[in-house]
């Protein structure tokens, strides 16, 4: 039987084949290349790039290409990360696959379950309708309302949990804009914007993400306890830049993803009518609200009460998951609705992140990069650190990026004449806003589940957003933070 050549041609995705082979080619070139030179830090300590570390960089190159261009589903690329580590003896199977169930991955799982509960019980629709009654029918105000609510919530709870909570609410809002949920400019702006703004809001307090506490720990250790940064001092400096980014991103999305419709006629009346039809809160809604509210309050209290700090946040949020099933808010069929592609994405991200960290590949990269600026002017050094942390946090966990970059940068500060405090804050700003890759932050991956954009689109629009972040950070370093009392320059050691 003859085979139609046109069918064969249509079935071959040459773009997919090209990027698949490109990833494999980069892996082979890096893995089998001769020994690379050692990295030397400012104190003269050398960091050799071991064969395992070079292998970690090779795996990272392949995964980066496959993730961005979606050669295979992103969760499958994540599985390959663990497989390559084991097959090429970069790490043991216990280490490579252990990270797939890292507590951070389970925290993301628990956060997504909370989002599912909001949807199933009807809490999402109740909140969405009330928001639409307030913000009205203009799509620009819907953008702004969603962004502001997202940013505000990240001040009191982890941005992963916020994204998982807000996501179903955005689905409901978008369904009133586009009934078939097909991708539109408004949809792209709504979901990508939620992810970006969740990062911007999370830098304002220590409750938004774990990176703040980790960074301050390194700062206290290197700069000395007498320079410790308090909870409210961090917010004093971070609130202006965090909220500046929220509103700048709103303008950015109004330009880049200008909604096809300026208004949605009759939306407010429709939202009021739908809210009335829901009637009073049901038993399931009340029960879910109590469980979720208690979980959030406990997580927030952990920052203020020393007795609670021994509890693991992943264990706390998973208690809510158990209670949802115990009180029959969820049932076994709901487990099939969990987006395992997203869970696997972050599992793989944790595995390659720890691989780069534990093999010292990431430290080798950081020392080489930072050492290039050891003789640079103070402002250039500050912006170089900002840029490097921003890049690193797009590829590995932001906590790991902080742990790798901050100690080296803080040691260099006295020799360059830059205050250690400003390096701490620019690192936290850039670590909180990874706009390029889905693996940079959980909200990015959660937003991707909307199917409004591809990983390539996310990367493409993340480039101008990252440039804006750099410009805004530079402005705060030069103008705003000095006015607020933050020291920027100090006398250089030996100068």
Protein backbone atom coordinates (compact mmCIF):
# COMPACT_ATOMS: atom_id res chain seq x y z
CA UNK A 1 0.00 0.00 0.00
CA UNK A 2 1.45 3.40 -0.98
CA UNK A 3 2.09 5.93 1.75
CA UNK A 4 1.25 9.56 1.07
CA UNK A 5 4.53 11.52 1.23
CA UNK A 6 2.68 14.66 2.36
CA UNK A 7 1.40 12.83 5.43
CA UNK A 8 4.97 11.80 6.31
CA UNK A 9 6.20 15.36 5.84
CA UNK A 10 3.40 16.78 7.99
CA UNK A 11 4.09 14.24 10.74
CA UNK A 12 7.78 15.18 11.03
CA UNK A 13 8.41 18.13 13.31
CA UNK A 14 11.81 19.34 12.08
CA UNK A 15 11.97 22.09 14.69
CA UNK A 16 11.52 19.52 17.45
CA UNK A 17 14.19 17.29 15.92
CA UNK A 18 16.64 20.20 15.61
CA UNK A 19 16.35 21.29 19.24
CA UNK A 20 16.35 17.69 20.44
CA UNK A 21 19.67 17.11 18.66
CA UNK A 22 21.00 20.51 19.78
CA UNK A 23 20.44 19.56 23.42
CA UNK A 24 22.15 16.20 22.92
CA UNK A 25 25.03 17.87 21.05
CA UNK A 26 25.64 20.38 23.87
CA UNK A 27 25.57 17.56 26.41
CA UNK A 28 28.20 15.56 24.49
CA UNK A 29 30.45 18.59 23.86
CA UNK A 30 30.46 19.67 27.52
CA UNK A 31 30.63 16.21 29.08
CA UNK A 32 33.49 14.93 26.91
CA UNK A 33 35.45 18.19 26.68
CA UNK A 34 38.98 18.37 28.21
CA UNK A 35 39.45 19.60 31.78
CA UNK A 36 38.40 23.24 32.28
CA UNK A 37 40.57 25.73 34.27
CA UNK A 38 40.05 26.09 38.03
CA UNK A 39 38.07 29.00 39.44
CA UNK A 40 39.90 31.21 41.98
CA UNK A 41 37.98 33.28 44.55
CA UNK A 42 39.14 36.64 46.03
CA UNK A 43 40.89 34.86 48.93
CA UNK A 44 42.93 32.74 46.54
CA UNK A 45 40.92 29.55 47.16
CA UNK A 46 40.71 27.39 44.04
CA UNK A 47 37.64 25.48 42.89
CA UNK A 48 38.44 22.77 40.33
CA UNK A 49 35.70 21.67 37.97
CA UNK A 50 35.51 17.94 38.58
CA UNK A 51 34.31 15.46 35.98
CA UNK A 52 31.02 15.16 37.90
CA UNK A 53 30.62 18.96 37.98
CA UNK A 54 31.20 19.17 34.24
CA UNK A 55 28.60 16.44 33.84
CA UNK A 56 26.14 18.52 35.88
CA UNK A 57 26.66 21.46 33.51
CA UNK A 58 26.18 19.11 30.53
CA UNK A 59 22.85 17.84 31.90
CA UNK A 60 21.79 21.39 32.62
CA UNK A 61 22.53 22.47 29.00
CA UNK A 62 20.43 19.64 27.58
CA UNK A 63 17.56 20.21 30.01
CA UNK A 64 17.55 23.97 29.37
CA UNK A 65 17.19 23.50 25.59
CA UNK A 66 14.55 20.79 25.94
CA UNK A 67 12.55 22.78 28.50
CA UNK A 68 12.49 26.03 26.54
CA UNK A 69 11.57 24.46 23.21
CA UNK A 70 9.35 21.69 24.65
CA UNK A 71 11.08 18.91 22.73
CA UNK A 72 9.06 16.52 24.90
CA UNK A 73 6.59 17.32 27.72
CA UNK A 74 8.44 19.32 30.39
CA UNK A 75 7.81 16.63 33.00
CA UNK A 76 9.52 14.03 30.80
CA UNK A 77 12.59 16.27 30.43
CA UNK A 78 12.66 16.40 34.23
CA UNK A 79 12.70 12.61 34.44
CA UNK A 80 15.59 12.56 31.96
CA UNK A 81 17.56 14.84 34.31
CA UNK A 82 17.58 12.12 36.96
CA UNK A 83 18.27 9.37 34.43
CA UNK A 84 21.31 11.15 32.92
CA UNK A 85 22.82 11.80 36.35
CA UNK A 86 22.68 8.09 37.13
CA UNK A 87 23.69 6.69 33.72
CA UNK A 88 26.73 8.98 33.44
CA UNK A 89 27.63 8.52 37.13
CA UNK A 90 27.34 12.22 37.91
CA UNK A 91 25.48 11.37 41.13
CA UNK A 92 24.14 8.18 42.66
CA UNK A 93 20.55 7.12 42.03
CA UNK A 94 19.76 7.77 45.69
CA UNK A 95 20.90 11.39 45.37
CA UNK A 96 19.53 12.11 41.89
CA UNK A 97 16.03 10.73 42.48
CA UNK A 98 15.82 11.61 46.16
CA UNK A 99 15.49 15.26 45.13
CA UNK A 100 12.33 14.44 43.17
CA UNK A 101 10.56 14.19 46.53
CA UNK A 102 12.32 17.15 48.10
CA UNK A 103 10.17 18.94 50.74
CA UNK A 104 9.92 21.94 48.38
CA UNK A 105 8.30 19.72 45.72
CA UNK A 106 5.83 18.44 48.30
CA UNK A 107 5.09 22.04 49.33
CA UNK A 108 4.18 22.77 45.70
CA UNK A 109 1.99 19.64 45.67
CA UNK A 110 0.19 20.81 48.83
CA UNK A 111 -0.26 24.31 47.39
CA UNK A 112 -1.80 22.93 44.20
CA UNK A 113 -4.21 20.81 46.25
CA UNK A 114 -5.33 23.96 48.06
CA UNK A 115 -6.01 25.54 44.66
CA UNK A 116 -8.08 22.48 43.69
CA UNK A 117 -10.14 22.82 46.87
CA UNK A 118 -10.90 26.46 46.08
CA UNK A 119 -12.21 25.36 42.68
CA UNK A 120 -14.20 22.30 43.77
CA UNK A 121 -15.97 23.92 46.72
CA UNK A 122 -16.96 27.05 44.79
CA UNK A 123 -14.82 29.44 46.83
CA UNK A 124 -12.96 30.43 43.67
CA UNK A 125 -16.09 31.53 41.85
CA UNK A 126 -17.36 33.36 44.92
CA UNK A 127 -14.11 35.33 45.19
CA UNK A 128 -13.88 35.91 41.42
CA UNK A 129 -17.39 37.33 41.19
CA UNK A 130 -16.81 39.66 44.14
CA UNK A 131 -13.54 40.89 42.60
CA UNK A 132 -15.22 41.56 39.24
CA UNK A 133 -18.00 43.53 40.92
CA UNK A 134 -15.30 45.76 42.46
CA UNK A 135 -12.93 46.19 39.47
CA UNK A 136 -15.67 46.53 36.88
CA UNK A 137 -15.76 45.78 33.16
CA UNK A 138 -12.52 47.35 31.91
CA UNK A 139 -9.94 44.68 31.10
CA UNK A 140 -7.14 47.02 32.21
CA UNK A 141 -8.70 47.20 35.68
CA UNK A 142 -9.18 43.42 35.74
CA UNK A 143 -5.45 43.07 35.07
CA UNK A 144 -4.66 45.52 37.86
CA UNK A 145 -7.12 44.01 40.34
CA UNK A 146 -5.74 40.50 39.85
CA UNK A 147 -2.14 41.70 40.13
CA UNK A 148 -2.74 43.73 43.29
CA UNK A 149 -4.59 40.89 45.05
CA UNK A 150 -1.81 38.45 44.10
CA UNK A 151 0.92 40.77 45.39
CA UNK A 152 -0.93 41.49 48.64
CA UNK A 153 -1.40 37.80 49.41
CA UNK A 154 2.33 37.11 48.96
CA UNK A 155 3.01 39.42 51.91
CA UNK A 156 1.44 36.91 54.29
CA UNK A 157 1.86 33.52 52.60
CA UNK A 158 4.34 31.73 50.32
CA UNK A 159 4.10 32.85 46.70
CA UNK A 160 3.70 29.21 45.60
CA UNK A 161 0.56 28.85 47.70
CA UNK A 162 -0.68 32.24 46.48
CA UNK A 163 -0.24 31.25 42.83
CA UNK A 164 -2.04 27.94 43.40
CA UNK A 165 -4.88 29.84 45.10
CA UNK A 166 -5.17 32.64 42.54
CA UNK A 167 -4.83 30.39 39.49
CA UNK A 168 -8.35 28.87 39.59
CA UNK A 169 -9.76 32.33 40.28
CA UNK A 170 -8.12 33.58 37.07
CA UNK A 171 -9.57 30.61 35.16
CA UNK A 172 -13.07 31.69 36.22
CA UNK A 173 -12.42 35.33 35.30
CA UNK A 174 -10.98 34.32 31.94
CA UNK A 175 -13.95 32.07 31.18
CA UNK A 176 -16.14 35.19 31.27
CA UNK A 177 -13.81 36.80 28.71
CA UNK A 178 -13.31 33.78 26.41
CA UNK A 179 -15.79 30.96 26.91
CA UNK A 180 -13.73 28.28 25.14
CA UNK A 181 -10.53 29.23 27.06
CA UNK A 182 -8.49 29.42 23.84
CA UNK A 183 -5.25 31.47 24.09
CA UNK A 184 -5.61 35.23 23.69
CA UNK A 185 -3.44 38.24 24.47
CA UNK A 186 -5.56 38.90 27.55
CA UNK A 187 -5.10 35.30 28.69
CA UNK A 188 -1.35 35.42 28.24
CA UNK A 189 -1.09 38.69 30.15
CA UNK A 190 -3.39 37.49 32.93
CA UNK A 191 -1.51 34.27 33.70
CA UNK A 192 2.08 35.31 32.94
CA UNK A 193 1.38 38.53 34.84
CA UNK A 194 0.16 36.57 37.87
CA UNK A 195 3.43 34.61 37.91
CA UNK A 196 5.61 37.73 37.59
CA UNK A 197 3.67 39.71 40.17
CA UNK A 198 3.72 36.82 42.65
CA UNK A 199 7.51 37.11 42.53
CA UNK A 200 7.47 40.89 42.88
CA UNK A 201 5.17 40.76 45.90
CA UNK A 202 7.09 37.93 47.56
CA UNK A 203 10.21 40.05 48.10
CA UNK A 204 8.41 42.51 50.39
CA UNK A 205 8.30 40.36 53.54
CA UNK A 206 10.02 37.25 54.89
CA UNK A 207 6.70 35.40 54.58
CA UNK A 208 6.65 35.37 50.77
CA UNK A 209 9.46 32.84 50.29
CA UNK A 210 12.26 31.05 52.12
CA UNK A 211 14.99 32.92 50.23
CA UNK A 212 14.81 35.97 52.54
CA UNK A 213 15.62 34.09 55.72
CA UNK A 214 18.45 32.18 53.99
CA UNK A 215 20.02 35.36 52.60
CA UNK A 216 19.86 37.16 55.95
CA UNK A 217 21.48 34.12 57.57
CA UNK A 218 24.46 34.37 55.21
CA UNK A 219 24.58 38.14 55.71
CA UNK A 220 24.64 37.82 59.51
CA UNK A 221 27.35 35.15 59.33
CA UNK A 222 29.67 37.17 57.08
CA UNK A 223 28.86 40.77 58.01
CA UNK A 224 28.47 40.12 61.73
CA UNK A 225 25.46 39.85 64.03
CA UNK A 226 25.59 43.57 64.84
CA UNK A 227 24.44 44.27 61.25
CA UNK A 228 21.46 41.91 61.40
CA UNK A 229 18.48 42.84 59.21
CA UNK A 230 15.11 42.77 61.01
CA UNK A 231 11.76 41.67 59.55
CA UNK A 232 10.49 45.25 59.34
CA UNK A 233 13.77 46.71 58.04
CA UNK A 234 13.63 44.30 55.12
CA UNK A 235 10.07 45.39 54.36
CA UNK A 236 11.04 49.08 54.68
CA UNK A 237 13.50 48.78 51.79
CA UNK A 238 11.74 46.09 49.75
CA UNK A 239 8.15 47.39 49.74
CA UNK A 240 8.91 50.38 47.46
CA UNK A 241 10.71 48.33 44.80
CA UNK A 242 8.33 45.37 45.08
CA UNK A 243 5.26 47.52 44.52
CA UNK A 244 7.01 49.63 41.88
CA UNK A 245 7.55 46.41 39.92
CA UNK A 246 3.89 45.39 40.38
CA UNK A 247 2.63 48.59 38.73
CA UNK A 248 5.40 48.68 36.11
CA UNK A 249 4.55 45.10 35.16
CA UNK A 250 0.90 46.11 34.85
CA UNK A 251 1.90 48.79 32.33
CA UNK A 252 4.21 46.29 30.60
CA UNK A 253 1.41 43.76 30.11
CA UNK A 254 -1.03 46.44 28.98
CA UNK A 255 1.44 47.24 26.19
CA UNK A 256 2.77 43.76 25.29
CA UNK A 257 -0.49 41.86 25.84
CA UNK A 258 -3.03 44.60 25.28
CA UNK A 259 -6.42 42.88 25.64
CA UNK A 260 -8.42 42.38 22.46
CA UNK A 261 -11.42 43.94 24.24
CA UNK A 262 -11.25 47.17 26.23
CA UNK A 263 -14.35 46.22 28.17
CA UNK A 264 -16.49 43.16 28.71
CA UNK A 265 -20.02 44.60 28.38
CA UNK A 266 -22.37 43.61 31.16
CA UNK A 267 -19.64 41.86 33.13
CA UNK A 268 -20.38 43.59 36.44
CA UNK A 269 -24.10 42.81 36.25
CA UNK A 270 -23.36 39.23 35.23
CA UNK A 271 -20.92 38.84 38.13
CA UNK A 272 -23.49 40.23 40.59
CA UNK A 273 -26.16 37.87 39.25
CA UNK A 274 -23.87 34.82 39.41
CA UNK A 275 -22.79 35.75 42.95
CA UNK A 276 -26.42 35.94 44.07
CA UNK A 277 -27.20 32.59 42.44
CA UNK A 278 -24.50 30.96 44.56
CA UNK A 279 -26.41 31.79 47.71
CA UNK A 280 -24.86 31.53 51.20
CA UNK A 281 -21.62 29.66 51.78
CA UNK A 282 -22.01 25.89 51.85
CA UNK A 283 -20.73 23.55 54.55
CA UNK A 284 -17.91 22.46 52.23
CA UNK A 285 -16.86 26.07 51.60
CA UNK A 286 -16.84 26.88 55.30
CA UNK A 287 -14.89 23.72 56.14
CA UNK A 288 -12.35 24.41 53.39
CA UNK A 289 -11.99 28.03 54.52
CA UNK A 290 -11.29 26.97 58.11
CA UNK A 291 -8.64 24.40 57.07
CA UNK A 292 -6.92 26.74 54.59
CA UNK A 293 -7.12 29.74 56.94
CA UNK A 294 -5.63 27.75 59.82
CA UNK A 295 -2.82 26.50 57.61
CA UNK A 296 -1.96 30.00 56.38
CA UNK A 297 -2.06 31.47 59.89
CA UNK A 298 0.25 28.75 61.20
CA UNK A 299 2.73 29.25 58.33
CA UNK A 300 2.72 33.01 58.87
CA UNK A 301 3.16 32.63 62.63
CA UNK A 302 6.30 30.52 62.16
CA UNK A 303 8.26 33.71 61.38
CA UNK A 304 7.28 35.38 64.65
CA UNK A 305 7.14 32.63 67.25
CA UNK A 306 10.44 30.77 67.85
CA UNK A 307 8.62 27.73 69.24
CA UNK A 308 6.99 27.16 65.83
CA UNK A 309 10.18 27.43 63.74
CA UNK A 310 11.01 23.77 64.28
CA UNK A 311 7.99 22.78 62.16
CA UNK A 312 8.61 22.13 58.47
CA UNK A 313 6.40 24.23 56.19
CA UNK A 314 5.91 21.32 53.77
CA UNK A 315 4.62 19.10 56.58
CA UNK A 316 2.28 21.88 57.72
CA UNK A 317 0.76 22.42 54.28
CA UNK A 318 0.39 18.66 53.73
CA UNK A 319 -1.68 18.46 56.92
CA UNK A 320 -4.30 20.46 55.02
CA UNK A 321 -4.16 17.89 52.19
CA UNK A 322 -4.85 15.06 54.64
CA UNK A 323 -7.71 17.00 56.26
CA UNK A 324 -9.35 17.69 52.88
CA UNK A 325 -9.60 13.95 52.25
CA UNK A 326 -10.44 13.11 55.86
CA UNK A 327 -13.43 15.46 55.86
CA UNK A 328 -14.38 14.45 52.29
CA UNK A 329 -13.82 17.86 50.77
CA UNK A 330 -11.81 15.93 48.16
CA UNK A 331 -12.06 12.30 47.06
CA UNK A 332 -9.78 9.84 45.30
CA UNK A 333 -10.96 10.95 41.84
CA UNK A 334 -9.55 14.41 42.53
CA UNK A 335 -6.03 12.96 42.63
CA UNK A 336 -6.35 12.36 38.90
CA UNK A 337 -6.81 16.11 38.35
CA UNK A 338 -3.43 17.03 39.83
CA UNK A 339 -1.12 18.43 37.09
CA UNK A 340 1.69 15.90 37.45
CA UNK A 341 3.52 17.50 34.51
CA UNK A 342 4.03 20.59 36.68
CA UNK A 343 4.99 18.57 39.76
CA UNK A 344 7.57 16.64 37.72
CA UNK A 345 8.92 19.89 36.27
CA UNK A 346 9.82 21.13 39.73
CA UNK A 347 11.04 17.73 40.84
CA UNK A 348 13.53 17.77 37.96
CA UNK A 349 14.43 21.40 38.69
CA UNK A 350 15.27 20.48 42.28
CA UNK A 351 17.37 17.54 41.09
CA UNK A 352 19.47 19.53 38.60
CA UNK A 353 19.71 22.42 41.09
CA UNK A 354 21.13 20.20 43.81
CA UNK A 355 23.32 18.49 41.23
CA UNK A 356 24.91 21.81 40.24
CA UNK A 357 25.19 22.80 43.91
CA UNK A 358 26.52 19.55 45.37
CA UNK A 359 29.10 18.96 42.63
CA UNK A 360 30.31 22.58 43.10
CA UNK A 361 29.58 23.30 39.42
CA UNK A 362 27.41 26.29 40.36
CA UNK A 363 30.08 27.64 42.72
CA UNK A 364 32.70 27.27 39.96
CA UNK A 365 30.48 29.31 37.61
CA UNK A 366 29.75 31.94 40.29
CA UNK A 367 33.38 32.42 41.33
CA UNK A 368 34.50 32.77 37.71
CA UNK A 369 31.80 35.33 36.96
CA UNK A 370 32.12 37.43 40.12
CA UNK A 371 35.92 37.48 39.95
CA UNK A 372 35.68 39.27 36.60
CA UNK A 373 34.28 42.30 38.45
CA UNK A 374 36.64 42.43 41.44
CA UNK A 375 38.28 45.60 40.05
CA UNK A 376 35.09 47.16 38.66
CA UNK A 377 33.49 50.41 39.96
CA UNK A 378 31.05 49.89 42.81
CA UNK A 379 27.84 50.40 40.80
CA UNK A 380 29.00 48.04 38.04
CA UNK A 381 29.82 45.39 40.65
CA UNK A 382 26.37 45.76 42.24
CA UNK A 383 24.59 45.43 38.90
CA UNK A 384 26.79 42.46 37.91
CA UNK A 385 25.70 40.64 41.08
CA UNK A 386 22.08 41.55 40.35
CA UNK A 387 22.36 40.20 36.82
CA UNK A 388 24.10 36.99 37.85
CA UNK A 389 21.65 36.15 40.64
CA UNK A 390 18.80 36.85 38.20
CA UNK A 391 20.28 34.37 35.72
CA UNK A 392 21.08 31.73 38.34
CA UNK A 393 17.64 31.84 39.90
CA UNK A 394 16.07 31.13 36.51
CA UNK A 395 17.96 27.84 36.36
CA UNK A 396 18.20 26.59 39.95
CA UNK A 397 16.26 27.13 43.16
CA UNK A 398 16.52 30.76 44.31
CA UNK A 399 17.66 29.60 47.75
CA UNK A 400 20.56 27.75 46.13
CA UNK A 401 21.37 30.77 43.94
CA UNK A 402 21.56 32.92 47.07
CA UNK A 403 23.70 30.33 48.86
CA UNK A 404 26.16 30.19 45.97
CA UNK A 405 26.49 33.86 45.03
CA UNK A 406 26.03 35.81 48.25
CA UNK A 407 29.00 34.51 50.30
CA UNK A 408 31.49 35.25 47.48
CA UNK A 409 29.96 38.67 46.74
CA UNK A 410 29.84 39.73 50.42
CA UNK A 411 33.52 38.86 50.88
CA UNK A 412 34.44 41.07 47.88
CA UNK A 413 32.40 44.09 49.05
CA UNK A 414 34.98 45.64 51.45
CA UNK A 415 37.69 45.54 48.77
CA UNK A 416 35.52 47.24 46.16
CA UNK A 417 34.03 49.84 48.53
CA UNK A 418 30.43 48.57 48.31
CA UNK A 419 28.26 48.05 51.38
CA UNK A 420 27.32 44.46 52.07
CA UNK A 421 23.76 45.57 52.81
CA UNK A 422 23.04 46.72 49.25
CA UNK A 423 24.37 43.42 47.85
CA UNK A 424 21.99 41.54 50.15
CA UNK A 425 19.00 43.54 48.93
CA UNK A 426 19.75 43.47 45.19
CA UNK A 427 20.29 39.72 45.47
CA UNK A 428 16.89 39.28 47.10
CA UNK A 429 15.22 41.47 44.48
CA UNK A 430 16.62 39.59 41.50
CA UNK A 431 16.24 36.15 43.13
CA UNK A 432 12.55 36.84 43.61
CA UNK A 433 11.76 37.62 39.98
CA UNK A 434 12.86 34.88 37.55
CA UNK A 435 11.04 35.90 34.38
CA UNK A 436 12.75 33.62 31.82
CA UNK A 437 12.16 29.95 32.66
CA UNK A 438 9.28 28.01 34.17
CA UNK A 439 11.67 26.27 36.57
CA UNK A 440 12.70 29.63 38.05
CA UNK A 441 9.69 29.71 40.38
CA UNK A 442 6.60 27.63 41.11
CA UNK A 443 4.15 30.41 40.09
CA UNK A 444 5.67 30.31 36.58
CA UNK A 445 4.92 26.60 36.25
CA UNK A 446 1.43 26.94 37.76
CA UNK A 447 0.60 29.69 35.26
CA UNK A 448 1.81 27.43 32.42
CA UNK A 449 -0.94 24.93 33.27
CA UNK A 450 -3.43 27.45 31.81
CA UNK A 451 -2.16 26.52 28.30
CA UNK A 452 -2.28 30.19 27.37
CA UNK A 453 1.40 30.33 26.42
CA UNK A 454 4.34 28.13 25.46
CA UNK A 455 7.66 27.89 27.27
CA UNK A 456 9.23 29.69 24.32
CA UNK A 457 6.78 32.60 24.64
CA UNK A 458 7.43 32.78 28.37
CA UNK A 459 11.17 33.02 27.70
CA UNK A 460 10.74 35.57 24.89
CA UNK A 461 8.63 38.01 26.90
CA UNK A 462 10.76 37.40 29.97
CA UNK A 463 13.73 39.09 28.27
CA UNK A 464 12.28 42.64 28.22
CA UNK A 465 10.74 42.05 31.66
CA UNK A 466 14.18 41.11 33.02
CA UNK A 467 15.74 44.20 31.41
CA UNK A 468 13.07 46.33 33.12
CA UNK A 469 13.93 44.65 36.44
CA UNK A 470 17.60 45.52 35.98
CA UNK A 471 16.79 49.16 35.16
CA UNK A 472 14.43 49.53 38.14
CA UNK A 473 16.97 47.93 40.50
CA UNK A 474 19.71 50.26 39.21
CA UNK A 475 17.45 53.27 39.83
CA UNK A 476 16.76 52.16 43.40
CA UNK A 477 20.48 51.61 44.04
CA UNK A 478 21.41 55.06 42.73
CA UNK A 479 18.45 57.14 43.95
CA UNK A 480 15.73 55.60 46.12
CA UNK A 481 17.56 53.44 48.65
CA UNK A 482 20.13 56.16 49.51
CA UNK A 483 17.21 58.52 50.19
CA UNK A 484 15.72 55.88 52.52
CA UNK A 485 19.01 55.65 54.41
CA UNK A 486 20.61 52.53 52.95
CA UNK A 487 24.42 52.77 52.69
CA UNK A 488 25.62 52.02 49.16
CA UNK A 489 29.33 52.86 49.17
CA UNK A 490 31.86 52.44 51.97
CA UNK A 491 35.58 53.07 52.27
CA UNK A 492 37.46 50.34 50.42
CA UNK A 493 39.60 48.05 52.56
CA UNK A 494 43.22 49.13 52.39
CA UNK A 495 42.16 52.29 50.57
